[in-house]
Amino acid sequence: MLQRRQFTTLSATTLGALALPASLLPRRAQAATVGQPAPDFTLSDIAGQPVKLSQYKGKPVVLEWNNPGCPFVRKHYNGNMQALQKEFAAQGVVWLAINSTRDDSADYLSPAQLARWMADKQASPTATLMDEDGTVGQAYAARVTPHMYIVNRQGVLVYAGAIDSIPSARVADIGKATNFVRQGLRELLAGKPLTTPTSQAYGCSIKYKNAAT
């Protein structure tokens, strides 16, 4: 269980969003379905260039919902997320980090600010994408950060859920957890069915437009 003292400097808004499992958050859209084609989309990256999911057909793709203001995101950007990005980029996997935080939220970072944060963290996603209106996040029913998805070479969604099996903001728990994304990608690249195609996502609620703060 999270220690209250860990977050004494956080805002009440952030505290209210911590560790909510996706099933307890309001449903805003029909979830993209594992085993079905992943919804296509086009978003601008942090350099203002359009990126279309279907342009990567023929390669595995990871979708990572990201919000640097979230303690759970910061936990995994202590080195874990960067290690995953580098490990699988070397094997031809495309990694798209998506930020669906609305632009009037205290957690919102402009493209330039998000680019600096990614650079400071030495992160290496294929692209970091802006989804301020929340259209793509809602198409995937992404409800927390980090919420993770894997799309196979044929464009079919094969994983949706948490990054790992321990829903905490403690860095020390990373090594104890089963990393569902690493496990799933290794199985996918080996031509095996995923042992865990879905799991319960955990983290901070996404600050969508037209949603309660």
C-alpha atoms as a PDB file:
ATOM      1  CA  MET A   1       0.000   0.000   0.000  1.00  0.00           C
ATOM      2  CA  LEU A   2       1.315   3.486  -0.814  1.00  0.00           C
ATOM      3  CA  GLN A   3       2.734   5.450   2.085  1.00  0.00           C
ATOM      4  CA  ARG A   4       0.889   8.772   2.535  1.00  0.00           C
ATOM      5  CA  ARG A   5       4.169  10.541   3.289  1.00  0.00           C
ATOM      6  CA  GLN A   6       5.536   9.656  -0.151  1.00  0.00           C
ATOM      7  CA  PHE A   7       3.268  12.212  -1.771  1.00  0.00           C
ATOM      8  CA  THR A   8       3.050  15.033   0.714  1.00  0.00           C
ATOM      9  CA  THR A   9       4.296  17.530  -1.879  1.00  0.00           C
ATOM     10  CA  LEU A  10       1.776  16.518  -4.521  1.00  0.00           C
ATOM     11  CA  SER A  11      -1.368  18.437  -5.301  1.00  0.00           C
ATOM     12  CA  ALA A  12      -4.753  17.222  -4.102  1.00  0.00           C
ATOM     13  CA  THR A  13      -5.683  16.695  -7.741  1.00  0.00           C
ATOM     14  CA  THR A  14      -2.760  14.326  -8.267  1.00  0.00           C
ATOM     15  CA  LEU A  15      -3.334  12.528  -4.991  1.00  0.00           C
ATOM     16  CA  GLY A  16      -6.928  11.881  -5.948  1.00  0.00           C
ATOM     17  CA  ALA A  17      -5.802  10.200  -9.151  1.00  0.00           C
ATOM     18  CA  LEU A  18      -3.121   7.918  -7.749  1.00  0.00           C
ATOM     19  CA  ALA A  19      -3.252   4.178  -8.255  1.00  0.00           C
ATOM     20  CA  LEU A  20      -6.735   4.021  -9.676  1.00  0.00           C
ATOM     21  CA  PRO A  21      -7.248   0.741 -11.507  1.00  0.00           C
ATOM     22  CA  ALA A  22      -8.699   1.320 -14.956  1.00  0.00           C
ATOM     23  CA  SER A  23     -11.888  -0.574 -14.134  1.00  0.00           C
ATOM     24  CA  LEU A  24     -12.813   2.019 -11.490  1.00  0.00           C
ATOM     25  CA  LEU A  25     -12.493   4.994 -13.798  1.00  0.00           C
ATOM     26  CA  PRO A  26     -15.386   6.298 -15.923  1.00  0.00           C
ATOM     27  CA  ARG A  27     -15.873   4.625 -19.278  1.00  0.00           C
ATOM     28  CA  ARG A  28     -15.609   7.184 -22.048  1.00  0.00           C
ATOM     29  CA  ALA A  29     -15.344   5.055 -25.148  1.00  0.00           C
ATOM     30  CA  GLN A  30     -15.516   1.500 -26.353  1.00  0.00           C
ATOM     31  CA  ALA A  31     -12.153  -0.036 -25.579  1.00  0.00           C
ATOM     32  CA  ALA A  32      -9.934  -1.154 -28.402  1.00  0.00           C
ATOM     33  CA  THR A  33     -10.207  -4.941 -28.262  1.00  0.00           C
ATOM     34  CA  VAL A  34      -7.321  -7.363 -27.953  1.00  0.00           C
ATOM     35  CA  GLY A  35      -7.432  -9.723 -30.926  1.00  0.00           C
ATOM     36  CA  GLN A  36      -8.962  -7.066 -33.204  1.00  0.00           C
ATOM     37  CA  PRO A  37      -7.278  -4.472 -35.477  1.00  0.00           C
ATOM     38  CA  ALA A  38      -5.843  -1.600 -33.477  1.00  0.00           C
ATOM     39  CA  PRO A  39      -7.667   1.668 -34.248  1.00  0.00           C
ATOM     40  CA  ASP A  40      -5.607   3.687 -36.700  1.00  0.00           C
ATOM     41  CA  PHE A  41      -4.773   7.294 -35.887  1.00  0.00           C
ATOM     42  CA  THR A  42      -2.659  10.255 -36.910  1.00  0.00           C
ATOM     43  CA  LEU A  43      -1.123  12.562 -34.293  1.00  0.00           C
ATOM     44  CA  SER A  44       1.516  15.263 -34.363  1.00  0.00           C
ATOM     45  CA  ASP A  45       4.792  14.495 -32.670  1.00  0.00           C
ATOM     46  CA  ILE A  46       6.622  16.951 -30.422  1.00  0.00           C
ATOM     47  CA  ALA A  47       8.362  18.381 -33.501  1.00  0.00           C
ATOM     48  CA  GLY A  48       4.990  19.032 -35.174  1.00  0.00           C
ATOM     49  CA  GLN A  49       5.285  16.218 -37.709  1.00  0.00           C
ATOM     50  CA  PRO A  50       2.342  13.871 -38.402  1.00  0.00           C
ATOM     51  CA  VAL A  51       2.719  10.260 -37.336  1.00  0.00           C
ATOM     52  CA  LYS A  52       0.224   7.615 -38.469  1.00  0.00           C
ATOM     53  CA  LEU A  53      -0.012   4.259 -36.706  1.00  0.00           C
ATOM     54  CA  SER A  54      -0.616   2.352 -39.936  1.00  0.00           C
ATOM     55  CA  GLN A  55       2.649   3.654 -41.423  1.00  0.00           C
ATOM     56  CA  TYR A  56       4.360   1.118 -39.158  1.00  0.00           C
ATOM     57  CA  LYS A  57       2.393  -1.903 -40.351  1.00  0.00           C
ATOM     58  CA  GLY A  58       4.847  -4.760 -40.710  1.00  0.00           C
ATOM     59  CA  LYS A  59       6.544  -3.868 -37.417  1.00  0.00           C
ATOM     60  CA  PRO A  60       5.479  -4.472 -33.809  1.00  0.00           C
ATOM     61  CA  VAL A  61       4.368  -1.253 -32.099  1.00  0.00           C
ATOM     62  CA  VAL A  62       4.164  -0.326 -28.420  1.00  0.00           C
ATOM     63  CA  LEU A  63       1.779   2.451 -27.378  1.00  0.00           C
ATOM     64  CA  GLU A  64       2.666   4.019 -24.033  1.00  0.00           C
ATOM     65  CA  TRP A  65       0.331   6.576 -22.442  1.00  0.00           C
ATOM     66  CA  ASN A  66       2.579   9.094 -20.721  1.00  0.00           C
ATOM     67  CA  ASN A  67       2.239  11.981 -18.252  1.00  0.00           C
ATOM     68  CA  PRO A  68       5.468  13.199 -16.598  1.00  0.00           C
ATOM     69  CA  GLY A  69       3.427  14.661 -13.721  1.00  0.00           C
ATOM     70  CA  CYS A  70       2.364  11.174 -12.618  1.00  0.00           C
ATOM     71  CA  PRO A  71       4.409   9.425  -9.879  1.00  0.00           C
ATOM     72  CA  PHE A  72       3.854   6.066 -11.572  1.00  0.00           C
ATOM     73  CA  VAL A  73       5.302   7.385 -14.829  1.00  0.00           C
ATOM     74  CA  ARG A  74       8.252   8.880 -12.950  1.00  0.00           C
ATOM     75  CA  LYS A  75       8.798   5.517 -11.242  1.00  0.00           C
ATOM     76  CA  HIS A  76       9.221   3.749 -14.557  1.00  0.00           C
ATOM     77  CA  TYR A  77      11.239   6.598 -16.080  1.00  0.00           C
ATOM     78  CA  ASN A  78      13.820   6.054 -13.363  1.00  0.00           C
ATOM     79  CA  GLY A  79      15.398   3.759 -15.960  1.00  0.00           C
ATOM     80  CA  ASN A  80      12.904   0.957 -16.532  1.00  0.00           C
ATOM     81  CA  MET A  81      10.961   2.508 -19.419  1.00  0.00           C
ATOM     82  CA  GLN A  82      14.126   3.715 -21.146  1.00  0.00           C
ATOM     83  CA  ALA A  83      15.623   0.212 -20.905  1.00  0.00           C
ATOM     84  CA  LEU A  84      12.530  -1.279 -22.535  1.00  0.00           C
ATOM     85  CA  GLN A  85      12.615   1.307 -25.320  1.00  0.00           C
ATOM     86  CA  LYS A  86      16.272   0.623 -26.104  1.00  0.00           C
ATOM     87  CA  GLU A  87      16.027  -3.159 -25.812  1.00  0.00           C
ATOM     88  CA  PHE A  88      13.184  -3.465 -28.285  1.00  0.00           C
ATOM     89  CA  ALA A  89      14.154  -0.660 -30.653  1.00  0.00           C
ATOM     90  CA  ALA A  90      17.247  -2.778 -31.334  1.00  0.00           C
ATOM     91  CA  GLN A  91      14.886  -5.579 -32.402  1.00  0.00           C
ATOM     92  CA  GLY A  92      12.822  -3.433 -34.767  1.00  0.00           C
ATOM     93  CA  VAL A  93       9.956  -2.544 -32.409  1.00  0.00           C
ATOM     94  CA  VAL A  94       8.355   0.889 -32.845  1.00  0.00           C
ATOM     95  CA  TRP A  95       7.624   2.738 -29.583  1.00  0.00           C
ATOM     96  CA  LEU A  96       5.069   5.559 -29.529  1.00  0.00           C
ATOM     97  CA  ALA A  97       4.693   7.563 -26.315  1.00  0.00           C
ATOM     98  CA  ILE A  98       1.335   9.388 -26.262  1.00  0.00           C
ATOM     99  CA  ASN A  99       0.343  12.268 -24.009  1.00  0.00           C
ATOM    100  CA  SER A 100      -3.429  12.838 -23.796  1.00  0.00           C
ATOM    101  CA  THR A 101      -3.329  15.435 -21.003  1.00  0.00           C
ATOM    102  CA  ARG A 102      -5.664  18.324 -21.772  1.00  0.00           C
ATOM    103  CA  ASP A 103      -3.953  21.659 -22.300  1.00  0.00           C
ATOM    104  CA  ASP A 104      -5.571  23.410 -19.318  1.00  0.00           C
ATOM    105  CA  SER A 105      -4.449  20.781 -16.805  1.00  0.00           C
ATOM    106  CA  ALA A 106      -1.713  21.509 -14.275  1.00  0.00           C
ATOM    107  CA  ASP A 107       0.022  18.378 -15.593  1.00  0.00           C
ATOM    108  CA  TYR A 108       0.066  19.604 -19.196  1.00  0.00           C
ATOM    109  CA  LEU A 109       3.443  20.049 -20.886  1.00  0.00           C
ATOM    110  CA  SER A 110       3.783  21.807 -24.224  1.00  0.00           C
ATOM    111  CA  PRO A 111       5.516  19.854 -27.010  1.00  0.00           C
ATOM    112  CA  ALA A 112       8.761  21.722 -26.295  1.00  0.00           C
ATOM    113  CA  GLN A 113       8.512  21.025 -22.557  1.00  0.00           C
ATOM    114  CA  LEU A 114       7.727  17.345 -23.159  1.00  0.00           C
ATOM    115  CA  ALA A 115      10.672  17.119 -25.569  1.00  0.00           C
ATOM    116  CA  ARG A 116      12.984  18.540 -22.890  1.00  0.00           C
ATOM    117  CA  TRP A 117      11.647  16.107 -20.287  1.00  0.00           C
ATOM    118  CA  MET A 118      12.215  13.149 -22.600  1.00  0.00           C
ATOM    119  CA  ALA A 119      15.727  14.386 -23.383  1.00  0.00           C
ATOM    120  CA  ASP A 120      16.506  14.895 -19.688  1.00  0.00           C
ATOM    121  CA  LYS A 121      15.373  11.330 -19.028  1.00  0.00           C
ATOM    122  CA  GLN A 122      17.458  10.031 -21.958  1.00  0.00           C
ATOM    123  CA  ALA A 123      14.342   8.328 -23.258  1.00  0.00           C
ATOM    124  CA  SER A 124      14.305   6.948 -26.785  1.00  0.00           C
ATOM    125  CA  PRO A 125      10.763   6.303 -28.037  1.00  0.00           C
ATOM    126  CA  THR A 126      10.390   6.272 -31.802  1.00  0.00           C
ATOM    127  CA  ALA A 127       8.107   9.288 -31.406  1.00  0.00           C
ATOM    128  CA  THR A 128       6.396  11.246 -28.651  1.00  0.00           C
ATOM    129  CA  LEU A 129       2.886  12.235 -29.706  1.00  0.00           C
ATOM    130  CA  MET A 130       0.465  14.954 -28.588  1.00  0.00           C
ATOM    131  CA  ASP A 131      -3.213  14.030 -28.101  1.00  0.00           C
ATOM    132  CA  GLU A 132      -4.503  17.096 -26.245  1.00  0.00           C
ATOM    133  CA  ASP A 133      -8.096  16.571 -27.367  1.00  0.00           C
ATOM    134  CA  GLY A 134      -7.996  12.984 -26.110  1.00  0.00           C
ATOM    135  CA  THR A 135      -9.424  11.436 -29.274  1.00  0.00           C
ATOM    136  CA  VAL A 136      -6.839   8.683 -29.553  1.00  0.00           C
ATOM    137  CA  GLY A 137      -6.708   7.974 -25.845  1.00  0.00           C
ATOM    138  CA  GLN A 138     -10.462   7.539 -25.749  1.00  0.00           C
ATOM    139  CA  ALA A 139     -10.436   5.343 -28.866  1.00  0.00           C
ATOM    140  CA  TYR A 140      -8.135   2.992 -26.951  1.00  0.00           C
ATOM    141  CA  ALA A 141      -9.983   3.518 -23.637  1.00  0.00           C
ATOM    142  CA  ALA A 142      -6.666   4.498 -22.092  1.00  0.00           C
ATOM    143  CA  ARG A 143      -7.529   5.619 -18.568  1.00  0.00           C
ATOM    144  CA  VAL A 144      -4.264   5.796 -16.652  1.00  0.00           C
ATOM    145  CA  THR A 145      -0.603   6.573 -17.088  1.00  0.00           C
ATOM    146  CA  PRO A 146       1.248   4.464 -17.894  1.00  0.00           C
ATOM    147  CA  HIS A 147      -1.341   2.456 -19.873  1.00  0.00           C
ATOM    148  CA  MET A 148       0.422   0.104 -22.288  1.00  0.00           C
ATOM    149  CA  TYR A 149      -0.578  -1.560 -25.563  1.00  0.00           C
ATOM    150  CA  ILE A 150       1.197  -3.840 -28.041  1.00  0.00           C
ATOM    151  CA  VAL A 151       0.225  -4.038 -31.722  1.00  0.00           C
ATOM    152  CA  ASN A 152       1.606  -6.863 -33.844  1.00  0.00           C
ATOM    153  CA  ARG A 153       3.075  -6.683 -37.357  1.00  0.00           C
ATOM    154  CA  GLN A 154      -0.367  -7.204 -38.883  1.00  0.00           C
ATOM    155  CA  GLY A 155      -1.828  -4.240 -37.003  1.00  0.00           C
ATOM    156  CA  VAL A 156      -3.750  -6.353 -34.486  1.00  0.00           C
ATOM    157  CA  LEU A 157      -3.853  -5.358 -30.829  1.00  0.00           C
ATOM    158  CA  VAL A 158      -2.293  -8.203 -28.837  1.00  0.00           C
ATOM    159  CA  TYR A 159      -1.775  -6.639 -25.396  1.00  0.00           C
ATOM    160  CA  ALA A 160      -3.550  -4.018 -23.299  1.00  0.00           C
ATOM    161  CA  GLY A 161      -2.932  -3.220 -19.652  1.00  0.00           C
ATOM    162  CA  ALA A 162      -0.277  -2.460 -17.074  1.00  0.00           C
ATOM    163  CA  ILE A 163       3.445  -2.238 -17.607  1.00  0.00           C
ATOM    164  CA  ASP A 164       3.960  -4.767 -14.821  1.00  0.00           C
ATOM    165  CA  SER A 165       2.357  -6.791 -12.058  1.00  0.00           C
ATOM    166  CA  ILE A 166       2.956  -4.585  -8.983  1.00  0.00           C
ATOM    167  CA  PRO A 167       0.706  -1.487  -8.851  1.00  0.00           C
ATOM    168  CA  SER A 168       2.900   0.818  -6.810  1.00  0.00           C
ATOM    169  CA  ALA A 169       4.928   3.996  -7.287  1.00  0.00           C
ATOM    170  CA  ARG A 170       7.988   2.471  -5.583  1.00  0.00           C
ATOM    171  CA  VAL A 171      11.054   2.030  -7.773  1.00  0.00           C
ATOM    172  CA  ALA A 172      12.124  -0.870  -5.546  1.00  0.00           C
ATOM    173  CA  ASP A 173       9.139  -2.902  -6.779  1.00  0.00           C
ATOM    174  CA  ILE A 174      10.252  -2.873 -10.422  1.00  0.00           C
ATOM    175  CA  GLY A 175      12.709  -5.711  -9.956  1.00  0.00           C
ATOM    176  CA  LYS A 176      10.148  -7.842  -8.119  1.00  0.00           C
ATOM    177  CA  ALA A 177       7.401  -7.477 -10.709  1.00  0.00           C
ATOM    178  CA  THR A 178       6.593  -9.411 -13.867  1.00  0.00           C
ATOM    179  CA  ASN A 179       7.082  -6.907 -16.680  1.00  0.00           C
ATOM    180  CA  PHE A 180       4.133  -7.691 -18.949  1.00  0.00           C
ATOM    181  CA  VAL A 181       5.444  -5.508 -21.786  1.00  0.00           C
ATOM    182  CA  ARG A 182       8.876  -7.151 -21.890  1.00  0.00           C
ATOM    183  CA  GLN A 183       7.321 -10.605 -21.558  1.00  0.00           C
ATOM    184  CA  GLY A 184       4.765  -9.901 -24.280  1.00  0.00           C
ATOM    185  CA  LEU A 185       7.256  -8.434 -26.735  1.00  0.00           C
ATOM    186  CA  ARG A 186       9.699 -11.300 -26.286  1.00  0.00           C
ATOM    187  CA  GLU A 187       6.916 -13.812 -26.908  1.00  0.00           C
ATOM    188  CA  LEU A 188       5.627 -11.852 -29.896  1.00  0.00           C
ATOM    189  CA  LEU A 189       9.085 -11.626 -31.471  1.00  0.00           C
ATOM    190  CA  ALA A 190       9.561 -15.364 -30.902  1.00  0.00           C
ATOM    191  CA  GLY A 191       6.289 -16.096 -32.714  1.00  0.00           C
ATOM    192  CA  LYS A 192       4.559 -17.302 -29.566  1.00  0.00           C
ATOM    193  CA  PRO A 193       1.109 -16.361 -28.225  1.00  0.00           C
ATOM    194  CA  LEU A 194       1.235 -13.923 -25.344  1.00  0.00           C
ATOM    195  CA  THR A 195       0.979 -15.528 -21.922  1.00  0.00           C
ATOM    196  CA  THR A 196      -0.746 -12.406 -20.599  1.00  0.00           C
ATOM    197  CA  PRO A 197      -2.695 -10.566 -23.322  1.00  0.00           C
ATOM    198  CA  THR A 198      -4.530  -8.312 -20.859  1.00  0.00           C
ATOM    199  CA  SER A 199      -3.925  -7.065 -17.346  1.00  0.00           C
ATOM    200  CA  GLN A 200      -5.312  -4.453 -14.967  1.00  0.00           C
ATOM    201  CA  ALA A 201      -3.693  -1.109 -15.781  1.00  0.00           C
ATOM    202  CA  TYR A 202      -2.739   1.090 -12.840  1.00  0.00           C
ATOM    203  CA  GLY A 203      -1.511   4.649 -12.409  1.00  0.00           C
ATOM    204  CA  CYS A 204      -2.831   8.226 -12.492  1.00  0.00           C
ATOM    205  CA  SER A 205      -6.068   9.028 -14.266  1.00  0.00           C
ATOM    206  CA  ILE A 206      -5.639  10.720 -17.652  1.00  0.00           C
ATOM    207  CA  LYS A 207      -6.696  14.372 -17.559  1.00  0.00           C
ATOM    208  CA  TYR A 208      -9.024  14.310 -20.581  1.00  0.00           C
ATOM    209  CA  LYS A 209     -10.857  17.304 -21.980  1.00  0.00           C
ATOM    210  CA  ASN A 210     -14.408  17.652 -20.675  1.00  0.00           C
ATOM    211  CA  ALA A 211     -13.602  15.395 -17.735  1.00  0.00           C
ATOM    212  CA  ALA A 212     -13.666  16.192 -14.051  1.00  0.00           C
ATOM    213  CA  THR A 213     -10.266  17.220 -12.758  1.00  0.00           C
END
